[in-house]
Structure formats: structure tokens, C-alpha cells
């Protein structure tokens, strides 16, 4: 029973943190401040870092509109 409660609390906490993250991303998109995060230098660094990671490389290619 205690394991169920702990897992439930952990799962609820994870969803709440994910909700906060999505709210931050939504605010960045709505205000246009996202363009300061995804500048050319950051994009190039992200591409080189995620070149050999999977599935992150697929998600990066989709986000950047490459290799589709």
C-alpha cells in the first residue's frame, strides 16, 4: 500500500513539473522571447550535441526542419 502511495505521489509530482515546463514554453512562444533562446549559436550546438543520440536526433531534425 505504501508503495502505491509513493508511486502516486511521484507520478503526480512529475506531471505537475511537466505542466510548469509546458507553461514556461507557452509563455516564451506567446511573448516571442523564444527567439533569444534558439539563436544560431544554440541551434548549431544542439545539432552537434544531438547528432548521435537517438531519438533526440530525430526530434531535433523535425524541430529544425531537416532530413524530413
Protein backbone atom coordinates (compact mmCIF):
# COMPACT_ATOMS: atom_id res chain seq x y z
CA UNK A 1 0.00 0.00 0.00
CA UNK A 2 2.77 2.43 0.87
CA UNK A 3 4.49 1.71 -2.46
CA UNK A 4 1.29 2.63 -4.29
CA UNK A 5 1.06 5.92 -2.39
CA UNK A 6 4.71 6.77 -3.04
CA UNK A 7 4.43 5.96 -6.74
CA UNK A 8 1.24 8.01 -6.97
CA UNK A 9 2.91 11.00 -5.33
CA UNK A 10 5.92 10.62 -7.62
CA UNK A 11 3.73 10.42 -10.71
CA UNK A 12 1.63 13.42 -9.68
CA UNK A 13 4.80 15.42 -8.98
CA UNK A 14 6.23 14.52 -12.38
CA UNK A 15 3.04 15.66 -14.14
CA UNK A 16 2.99 18.92 -12.18
CA UNK A 17 6.62 19.66 -13.10
CA UNK A 18 5.86 18.85 -16.73
CA UNK A 19 2.91 21.23 -16.59
CA UNK A 20 5.15 24.00 -15.27
CA UNK A 21 7.66 23.34 -18.05
CA UNK A 22 4.94 23.50 -20.69
CA UNK A 23 3.62 26.75 -19.23
CA UNK A 24 7.09 28.28 -19.45
CA UNK A 25 7.44 27.18 -23.08
CA UNK A 26 3.97 28.53 -23.85
CA UNK A 27 4.86 31.89 -22.33
CA UNK A 28 8.10 32.02 -24.32
CA UNK A 29 6.20 31.31 -27.51
CA UNK A 30 3.45 33.84 -26.80
CA UNK A 31 5.83 36.66 -25.92
CA UNK A 32 8.30 35.90 -28.70
CA UNK A 33 11.19 35.51 -26.26
CA UNK A 34 11.87 32.03 -27.61
CA UNK A 35 13.85 33.59 -30.46
CA UNK A 36 16.50 34.65 -27.95
CA UNK A 37 16.94 31.06 -26.79
CA UNK A 38 17.03 29.42 -30.20
CA UNK A 39 19.61 31.65 -31.82
CA UNK A 40 22.06 30.37 -34.44
CA UNK A 41 24.79 29.51 -31.93
CA UNK A 42 22.43 27.47 -29.75
CA UNK A 43 20.96 25.70 -32.76
CA UNK A 44 24.41 24.73 -34.05
CA UNK A 45 25.44 23.50 -30.61
CA UNK A 46 22.25 21.49 -30.31
CA UNK A 47 22.77 19.92 -33.71
CA UNK A 48 26.34 18.86 -32.95
CA UNK A 49 25.41 17.51 -29.49
CA UNK A 50 22.42 15.53 -30.68
CA UNK A 51 23.99 14.19 -33.85
CA UNK A 52 24.46 10.67 -32.49
CA UNK A 53 21.70 10.46 -29.89
CA UNK A 54 18.51 8.65 -30.69
CA UNK A 55 15.60 9.53 -30.64
CA UNK A 56 16.76 13.04 -29.78
CA UNK A 57 18.43 13.38 -33.19
CA UNK A 58 15.14 12.58 -34.90
CA UNK A 59 13.28 15.12 -32.79
CA UNK A 60 15.95 17.73 -33.48
CA UNK A 61 15.73 17.12 -37.22
CA UNK A 62 11.97 17.54 -37.07
CA UNK A 63 12.24 20.71 -34.99
CA UNK A 64 14.84 22.21 -37.34
CA UNK A 65 13.04 21.03 -40.48
CA UNK A 66 15.94 18.96 -41.75
CA UNK A 67 16.17 15.42 -43.18
CA UNK A 68 12.42 15.07 -43.40
